[in-house]
Amino acid sequence: MSSTSDKTAALALTPVSRETEARLDRYVDLLREWQAKTNLVAPSTLPHLWTRHIADSLQLLSLAPTATRWVDLGSGGGFPGVVLACALAETPGANIQLVERNAKKAAFLREAIRVTSAAGTVHLADIGDIVDRIAGPVDCVTARALAPLHQLIGFAEPLIGKGAKALFLKGQDVEAELTEATKYWNIKPQLHSSRTGGQGWIVELDRIERRKISAMGTGYDRD
């Protein structure tokens, strides 16, 4: 698929304004430029950058249409964080906080926010060191290709505990990850099939509760 037809297909799945499209174009150009020296996405996905990465990120907006304050954990090459920041750049009060521990990737993210004039703030930090210190209310917390679900929930616990909705982009092993996560957490997940095809899923969580390990350490207590 050519990059033009890939972009057309992506924007048919997840339409955006002309202003947002222009910002995303600048972001994609920058990503391709940096990809030559810093591995931001899997090289095999470059021909399908718009459908595999851009549309995959944009689809989160329909699951939280009124959310303006987002935190993206382990932003990497900017998915979904920079894409969301581009899409919400015209929205009053919107801000996406991108957390990335790799200095090169954080530098790329800062440049992406700059060249797109997007609504984003980049934190060069370990997730465990930053989530407790993020000030103000957060509407949504996201992560993509970062860690197993039970670990993601642990990372996001301080934010979900303050009222944030979690939207985690996961792959075909989502059922196994959910099974593992229920060993550690009481959760009632909503699963959304990815609009971009393949075997992708979005795990939506509004409330979580850490399970208590029983006194004997042999099982888990639901109380």
C-alpha atoms as a PDB file:
ATOM      1  CA  MET A   1       0.000   0.000   0.000  1.00  0.00           C
ATOM      2  CA  SER A   2       1.377   3.426  -0.882  1.00  0.00           C
ATOM      3  CA  SER A   3       1.700   6.011   1.856  1.00  0.00           C
ATOM      4  CA  THR A   4      -1.011   8.102   0.151  1.00  0.00           C
ATOM      5  CA  SER A   5      -3.542   5.293   0.039  1.00  0.00           C
ATOM      6  CA  ASP A   6      -2.584   4.251   3.570  1.00  0.00           C
ATOM      7  CA  LYS A   7      -3.274   7.787   4.790  1.00  0.00           C
ATOM      8  CA  THR A   8      -6.592   7.891   2.913  1.00  0.00           C
ATOM      9  CA  ALA A   9      -7.637   4.585   4.488  1.00  0.00           C
ATOM     10  CA  ALA A  10      -6.628   5.761   7.966  1.00  0.00           C
ATOM     11  CA  LEU A  11      -8.531   9.046   7.766  1.00  0.00           C
ATOM     12  CA  ALA A  12     -11.603   7.212   6.469  1.00  0.00           C
ATOM     13  CA  LEU A  13     -11.520   5.153   9.677  1.00  0.00           C
ATOM     14  CA  THR A  14     -10.807   8.092  11.984  1.00  0.00           C
ATOM     15  CA  PRO A  15     -11.718  11.426  10.311  1.00  0.00           C
ATOM     16  CA  VAL A  16     -10.041  14.595  11.566  1.00  0.00           C
ATOM     17  CA  SER A  17     -10.173  18.298  10.805  1.00  0.00           C
ATOM     18  CA  ARG A  18      -7.976  19.862   8.129  1.00  0.00           C
ATOM     19  CA  GLU A  19      -5.898  21.542  10.848  1.00  0.00           C
ATOM     20  CA  THR A  20      -5.333  18.238  12.633  1.00  0.00           C
ATOM     21  CA  GLU A  21      -4.417  16.527   9.365  1.00  0.00           C
ATOM     22  CA  ALA A  22      -1.789  19.219   8.719  1.00  0.00           C
ATOM     23  CA  ARG A  23      -0.330  18.688  12.189  1.00  0.00           C
ATOM     24  CA  LEU A  24      -0.258  14.918  11.676  1.00  0.00           C
ATOM     25  CA  ASP A  25       1.497  15.391   8.328  1.00  0.00           C
ATOM     26  CA  ARG A  26       4.259  17.371  10.064  1.00  0.00           C
ATOM     27  CA  TYR A  27       4.518  14.716  12.747  1.00  0.00           C
ATOM     28  CA  VAL A  28       4.779  11.868  10.225  1.00  0.00           C
ATOM     29  CA  ASP A  29       7.457  13.753   8.255  1.00  0.00           C
ATOM     30  CA  LEU A  30       9.452  14.289  11.452  1.00  0.00           C
ATOM     31  CA  LEU A  31       9.058  10.654  12.503  1.00  0.00           C
ATOM     32  CA  ARG A  32      10.346   9.386   9.158  1.00  0.00           C
ATOM     33  CA  GLU A  33      13.314  11.755   9.437  1.00  0.00           C
ATOM     34  CA  TRP A  34      14.215  10.621  12.973  1.00  0.00           C
ATOM     35  CA  GLN A  35      13.505   6.961  12.273  1.00  0.00           C
ATOM     36  CA  ALA A  36      16.718   6.843  10.236  1.00  0.00           C
ATOM     37  CA  LYS A  37      18.778   7.368  13.406  1.00  0.00           C
ATOM     38  CA  THR A  38      16.443   6.405  16.285  1.00  0.00           C
ATOM     39  CA  ASN A  39      14.204   3.345  16.177  1.00  0.00           C
ATOM     40  CA  LEU A  40      10.788   4.852  16.920  1.00  0.00           C
ATOM     41  CA  VAL A  41       8.523   2.279  15.237  1.00  0.00           C
ATOM     42  CA  ALA A  42       9.068  -1.210  13.856  1.00  0.00           C
ATOM     43  CA  PRO A  43      10.528  -0.677  10.350  1.00  0.00           C
ATOM     44  CA  SER A  44       8.067  -3.201   8.909  1.00  0.00           C
ATOM     45  CA  THR A  45       5.167  -0.903   9.878  1.00  0.00           C
ATOM     46  CA  LEU A  46       6.457   2.203   8.056  1.00  0.00           C
ATOM     47  CA  PRO A  47       4.486   1.555   4.829  1.00  0.00           C
ATOM     48  CA  HIS A  48       1.325   1.410   6.959  1.00  0.00           C
ATOM     49  CA  LEU A  49       2.227   4.191   9.385  1.00  0.00           C
ATOM     50  CA  TRP A  50      -1.121   5.958   9.103  1.00  0.00           C
ATOM     51  CA  THR A  51      -3.343   2.906   9.623  1.00  0.00           C
ATOM     52  CA  ARG A  52      -1.117   0.977  12.041  1.00  0.00           C
ATOM     53  CA  HIS A  53      -0.151   3.901  14.253  1.00  0.00           C
ATOM     54  CA  ILE A  54      -2.053   7.145  13.537  1.00  0.00           C
ATOM     55  CA  ALA A  55      -5.598   5.764  13.179  1.00  0.00           C
ATOM     56  CA  ASP A  56      -4.926   3.232  15.933  1.00  0.00           C
ATOM     57  CA  SER A  57      -4.228   6.170  18.255  1.00  0.00           C
ATOM     58  CA  LEU A  58      -7.016   8.460  17.011  1.00  0.00           C
ATOM     59  CA  GLN A  59      -9.710   5.878  17.695  1.00  0.00           C
ATOM     60  CA  LEU A  60      -9.272   6.438  21.448  1.00  0.00           C
ATOM     61  CA  LEU A  61     -10.944   9.846  21.118  1.00  0.00           C
ATOM     62  CA  SER A  62     -14.329   8.274  20.366  1.00  0.00           C
ATOM     63  CA  LEU A  63     -14.158   6.324  23.645  1.00  0.00           C
ATOM     64  CA  ALA A  64     -13.593   9.496  25.686  1.00  0.00           C
ATOM     65  CA  PRO A  65     -15.094  12.295  23.576  1.00  0.00           C
ATOM     66  CA  THR A  66     -15.157  14.893  26.346  1.00  0.00           C
ATOM     67  CA  ALA A  67     -11.698  14.128  27.783  1.00  0.00           C
ATOM     68  CA  THR A  68      -9.189  16.959  27.475  1.00  0.00           C
ATOM     69  CA  ARG A  69      -6.490  16.017  30.014  1.00  0.00           C
ATOM     70  CA  TRP A  70      -4.636  12.853  29.132  1.00  0.00           C
ATOM     71  CA  VAL A  71      -1.532  11.079  30.426  1.00  0.00           C
ATOM     72  CA  ASP A  72       0.275   8.733  28.028  1.00  0.00           C
ATOM     73  CA  LEU A  73       2.603   6.263  29.746  1.00  0.00           C
ATOM     74  CA  GLY A  74       5.714   5.142  27.868  1.00  0.00           C
ATOM     75  CA  SER A  75       5.030   7.334  24.850  1.00  0.00           C
ATOM     76  CA  GLY A  76       7.942   6.008  22.764  1.00  0.00           C
ATOM     77  CA  GLY A  77       7.504   7.273  19.218  1.00  0.00           C
ATOM     78  CA  GLY A  78       4.413   9.242  20.223  1.00  0.00           C
ATOM     79  CA  PHE A  79       1.592   6.730  19.978  1.00  0.00           C
ATOM     80  CA  PRO A  80      -0.980   7.514  21.101  1.00  0.00           C
ATOM     81  CA  GLY A  81       0.269  10.631  22.948  1.00  0.00           C
ATOM     82  CA  VAL A  82       1.476  12.925  20.154  1.00  0.00           C
ATOM     83  CA  VAL A  83      -1.408  11.912  17.886  1.00  0.00           C
ATOM     84  CA  LEU A  84      -3.928  12.792  20.600  1.00  0.00           C
ATOM     85  CA  ALA A  85      -2.086  16.057  21.273  1.00  0.00           C
ATOM     86  CA  CYS A  86      -2.354  16.974  17.584  1.00  0.00           C
ATOM     87  CA  ALA A  87      -6.058  16.113  17.499  1.00  0.00           C
ATOM     88  CA  LEU A  88      -6.829  18.164  20.616  1.00  0.00           C
ATOM     89  CA  ALA A  89      -4.625  21.164  19.790  1.00  0.00           C
ATOM     90  CA  GLU A  90      -7.674  23.326  18.988  1.00  0.00           C
ATOM     91  CA  THR A  91      -9.559  22.255  22.133  1.00  0.00           C
ATOM     92  CA  PRO A  92      -9.467  24.851  24.932  1.00  0.00           C
ATOM     93  CA  GLY A  93      -7.667  23.576  28.024  1.00  0.00           C
ATOM     94  CA  ALA A  94      -6.499  20.345  26.416  1.00  0.00           C
ATOM     95  CA  ASN A  95      -3.160  18.898  27.418  1.00  0.00           C
ATOM     96  CA  ILE A  96      -1.518  15.522  26.888  1.00  0.00           C
ATOM     97  CA  GLN A  97       1.288  14.626  29.295  1.00  0.00           C
ATOM     98  CA  LEU A  98       3.734  12.200  27.696  1.00  0.00           C
ATOM     99  CA  VAL A  99       5.932  10.096  29.980  1.00  0.00           C
ATOM    100  CA  GLU A 100       9.077   8.559  28.437  1.00  0.00           C
ATOM    101  CA  ARG A 101      12.192   7.231  30.176  1.00  0.00           C
ATOM    102  CA  ASN A 102      14.411   7.039  27.055  1.00  0.00           C
ATOM    103  CA  ALA A 103      16.227  10.350  26.531  1.00  0.00           C
ATOM    104  CA  LYS A 104      16.427  10.083  22.717  1.00  0.00           C
ATOM    105  CA  LYS A 105      12.738   9.302  22.416  1.00  0.00           C
ATOM    106  CA  ALA A 106      11.849  12.085  24.847  1.00  0.00           C
ATOM    107  CA  ALA A 107      13.876  14.499  22.697  1.00  0.00           C
ATOM    108  CA  PHE A 108      11.924  13.341  19.641  1.00  0.00           C
ATOM    109  CA  LEU A 109       8.629  13.809  21.471  1.00  0.00           C
ATOM    110  CA  ARG A 110       9.560  17.357  22.470  1.00  0.00           C
ATOM    111  CA  GLU A 111      10.456  18.175  18.875  1.00  0.00           C
ATOM    112  CA  ALA A 112       7.192  16.608  17.646  1.00  0.00           C
ATOM    113  CA  ILE A 113       5.162  18.743  20.058  1.00  0.00           C
ATOM    114  CA  ARG A 114       7.097  21.811  18.922  1.00  0.00           C
ATOM    115  CA  VAL A 115       6.784  21.354  15.151  1.00  0.00           C
ATOM    116  CA  THR A 116       3.084  20.457  15.357  1.00  0.00           C
ATOM    117  CA  SER A 117       2.167  23.151  17.929  1.00  0.00           C
ATOM    118  CA  ALA A 118       0.294  20.357  19.680  1.00  0.00           C
ATOM    119  CA  ALA A 119      -1.173  20.370  23.180  1.00  0.00           C
ATOM    120  CA  GLY A 120       1.502  18.291  24.869  1.00  0.00           C
ATOM    121  CA  THR A 121       4.018  18.237  27.721  1.00  0.00           C
ATOM    122  CA  VAL A 122       6.904  15.727  27.805  1.00  0.00           C
ATOM    123  CA  HIS A 123       8.279  14.212  31.024  1.00  0.00           C
ATOM    124  CA  LEU A 124      11.659  12.456  30.802  1.00  0.00           C
ATOM    125  CA  ALA A 125      11.123  10.113  33.738  1.00  0.00           C
ATOM    126  CA  ASP A 126      10.412   6.601  34.885  1.00  0.00           C
ATOM    127  CA  ILE A 127       6.677   6.036  35.175  1.00  0.00           C
ATOM    128  CA  GLY A 128       6.944   5.047  38.819  1.00  0.00           C
ATOM    129  CA  ASP A 129       8.658   8.333  39.625  1.00  0.00           C
ATOM    130  CA  ILE A 130       6.147  10.617  37.922  1.00  0.00           C
ATOM    131  CA  VAL A 131       2.544   9.385  38.164  1.00  0.00           C
ATOM    132  CA  ASP A 132       2.155  10.381  41.818  1.00  0.00           C
ATOM    133  CA  ARG A 133       3.447  13.866  41.029  1.00  0.00           C
ATOM    134  CA  ILE A 134       1.235  14.703  38.043  1.00  0.00           C
ATOM    135  CA  ALA A 135      -0.723  17.727  39.214  1.00  0.00           C
ATOM    136  CA  GLY A 136      -4.358  18.459  38.566  1.00  0.00           C
ATOM    137  CA  PRO A 137      -7.180  16.222  37.400  1.00  0.00           C
ATOM    138  CA  VAL A 138      -6.635  13.665  34.629  1.00  0.00           C
ATOM    139  CA  ASP A 139      -9.494  12.444  32.429  1.00  0.00           C
ATOM    140  CA  CYS A 140      -7.745   9.536  30.701  1.00  0.00           C
ATOM    141  CA  VAL A 141      -4.574   7.504  31.045  1.00  0.00           C
ATOM    142  CA  THR A 142      -3.278   5.569  28.034  1.00  0.00           C
ATOM    143  CA  ALA A 143      -0.500   3.179  27.089  1.00  0.00           C
ATOM    144  CA  ARG A 144       0.379   1.234  23.964  1.00  0.00           C
ATOM    145  CA  ALA A 145       2.861  -1.647  23.607  1.00  0.00           C
ATOM    146  CA  LEU A 146       4.365  -0.840  27.002  1.00  0.00           C
ATOM    147  CA  ALA A 147       3.891  -3.716  29.462  1.00  0.00           C
ATOM    148  CA  PRO A 148       1.582  -6.597  30.408  1.00  0.00           C
ATOM    149  CA  LEU A 149      -1.864  -5.441  31.518  1.00  0.00           C
ATOM    150  CA  HIS A 150      -1.411  -6.234  35.224  1.00  0.00           C
ATOM    151  CA  GLN A 151       1.705  -4.020  35.270  1.00  0.00           C
ATOM    152  CA  LEU A 152      -0.029  -1.235  33.335  1.00  0.00           C
ATOM    153  CA  ILE A 153      -2.825  -1.168  35.886  1.00  0.00           C
ATOM    154  CA  GLY A 154      -0.220  -0.845  38.623  1.00  0.00           C
ATOM    155  CA  PHE A 155       1.448   2.069  36.820  1.00  0.00           C
ATOM    156  CA  ALA A 156      -1.888   3.815  36.285  1.00  0.00           C
ATOM    157  CA  GLU A 157      -3.368   3.068  39.739  1.00  0.00           C
ATOM    158  CA  PRO A 158      -2.714   6.549  41.219  1.00  0.00           C
ATOM    159  CA  LEU A 159      -4.450   8.216  38.264  1.00  0.00           C
ATOM    160  CA  ILE A 160      -7.393   5.809  38.051  1.00  0.00           C
ATOM    161  CA  GLY A 161      -7.821   6.209  41.804  1.00  0.00           C
ATOM    162  CA  LYS A 162      -8.336   9.956  41.243  1.00  0.00           C
ATOM    163  CA  GLY A 163     -11.016   9.368  38.607  1.00  0.00           C
ATOM    164  CA  ALA A 164      -9.144   8.865  35.340  1.00  0.00           C
ATOM    165  CA  LYS A 165     -10.411   6.383  32.769  1.00  0.00           C
ATOM    166  CA  ALA A 166      -7.796   3.940  31.463  1.00  0.00           C
ATOM    167  CA  LEU A 167      -7.645   3.115  27.746  1.00  0.00           C
ATOM    168  CA  PHE A 168      -4.933   0.564  27.025  1.00  0.00           C
ATOM    169  CA  LEU A 169      -4.187  -0.559  23.458  1.00  0.00           C
ATOM    170  CA  LYS A 170      -3.456  -4.284  23.435  1.00  0.00           C
ATOM    171  CA  GLY A 171      -2.867  -7.051  20.903  1.00  0.00           C
ATOM    172  CA  GLN A 172      -4.207 -10.520  20.265  1.00  0.00           C
ATOM    173  CA  ASP A 173      -3.138 -11.861  23.684  1.00  0.00           C
ATOM    174  CA  VAL A 174      -5.583  -9.620  25.517  1.00  0.00           C
ATOM    175  CA  GLU A 175      -7.605 -12.490  27.018  1.00  0.00           C
ATOM    176  CA  ALA A 176      -4.499 -14.078  28.541  1.00  0.00           C
ATOM    177  CA  GLU A 177      -3.419 -10.685  29.875  1.00  0.00           C
ATOM    178  CA  LEU A 178      -6.842 -10.108  31.418  1.00  0.00           C
ATOM    179  CA  THR A 179      -6.728 -13.531  33.070  1.00  0.00           C
ATOM    180  CA  GLU A 180      -3.334 -12.728  34.563  1.00  0.00           C
ATOM    181  CA  ALA A 181      -4.455  -9.256  35.644  1.00  0.00           C
ATOM    182  CA  THR A 182      -7.404 -10.630  37.631  1.00  0.00           C
ATOM    183  CA  LYS A 183      -4.930 -12.432  39.894  1.00  0.00           C
ATOM    184  CA  TYR A 184      -3.813  -9.027  41.141  1.00  0.00           C
ATOM    185  CA  TRP A 185      -6.782  -6.716  40.539  1.00  0.00           C
ATOM    186  CA  ASN A 186     -10.552  -6.668  40.824  1.00  0.00           C
ATOM    187  CA  ILE A 187     -11.554  -5.161  37.491  1.00  0.00           C
ATOM    188  CA  LYS A 188     -14.593  -4.943  35.227  1.00  0.00           C
ATOM    189  CA  PRO A 189     -13.011  -4.237  31.845  1.00  0.00           C
ATOM    190  CA  GLN A 190     -14.815  -3.182  28.711  1.00  0.00           C
ATOM    191  CA  LEU A 191     -13.196  -4.550  25.560  1.00  0.00           C
ATOM    192  CA  HIS A 192     -13.391  -2.671  22.269  1.00  0.00           C
ATOM    193  CA  SER A 193     -12.252  -4.224  19.024  1.00  0.00           C
ATOM    194  CA  SER A 194      -9.753  -2.020  17.178  1.00  0.00           C
ATOM    195  CA  ARG A 195     -11.146  -0.103  14.216  1.00  0.00           C
ATOM    196  CA  THR A 196      -7.898  -0.635  12.369  1.00  0.00           C
ATOM    197  CA  GLY A 197      -8.409  -4.364  11.922  1.00  0.00           C
ATOM    198  CA  GLY A 198      -5.970  -7.078  12.814  1.00  0.00           C
ATOM    199  CA  GLN A 199      -6.387  -8.504  16.268  1.00  0.00           C
ATOM    200  CA  GLY A 200      -6.045  -5.326  18.279  1.00  0.00           C
ATOM    201  CA  TRP A 201      -8.153  -4.421  21.274  1.00  0.00           C
ATOM    202  CA  ILE A 202      -8.697  -1.485  23.597  1.00  0.00           C
ATOM    203  CA  VAL A 203      -9.136  -2.300  27.276  1.00  0.00           C
ATOM    204  CA  GLU A 204     -11.254   0.321  29.041  1.00  0.00           C
ATOM    205  CA  LEU A 205     -11.171   0.504  32.838  1.00  0.00           C
ATOM    206  CA  ASP A 206     -13.018   2.986  35.033  1.00  0.00           C
ATOM    207  CA  ARG A 207     -12.366   1.441  38.428  1.00  0.00           C
ATOM    208  CA  ILE A 208      -9.747  -0.895  39.826  1.00  0.00           C
ATOM    209  CA  GLU A 209      -9.159  -2.460  43.196  1.00  0.00           C
ATOM    210  CA  ARG A 210      -5.984  -4.173  44.280  1.00  0.00           C
ATOM    211  CA  ARG A 211      -6.610  -7.709  45.506  1.00  0.00           C
ATOM    212  CA  LYS A 212      -5.333  -8.504  48.974  1.00  0.00           C
ATOM    213  CA  ILE A 213      -3.073 -11.528  49.256  1.00  0.00           C
ATOM    214  CA  SER A 214      -4.386 -13.810  51.964  1.00  0.00           C
ATOM    215  CA  ALA A 215      -2.562 -14.025  55.290  1.00  0.00           C
ATOM    216  CA  MET A 216      -1.128 -17.449  54.438  1.00  0.00           C
ATOM    217  CA  GLY A 217       0.093 -16.159  51.083  1.00  0.00           C
ATOM    218  CA  THR A 218      -1.610 -19.041  49.311  1.00  0.00           C
ATOM    219  CA  GLY A 219      -4.375 -17.248  47.515  1.00  0.00           C
ATOM    220  CA  TYR A 220      -6.164 -14.021  46.839  1.00  0.00           C
ATOM    221  CA  ASP A 221      -8.902 -12.453  48.864  1.00  0.00           C
ATOM    222  CA  ARG A 222     -11.682 -10.578  47.055  1.00  0.00           C
ATOM    223  CA  ASP A 223     -12.566  -8.391  50.046  1.00  0.00           C
END
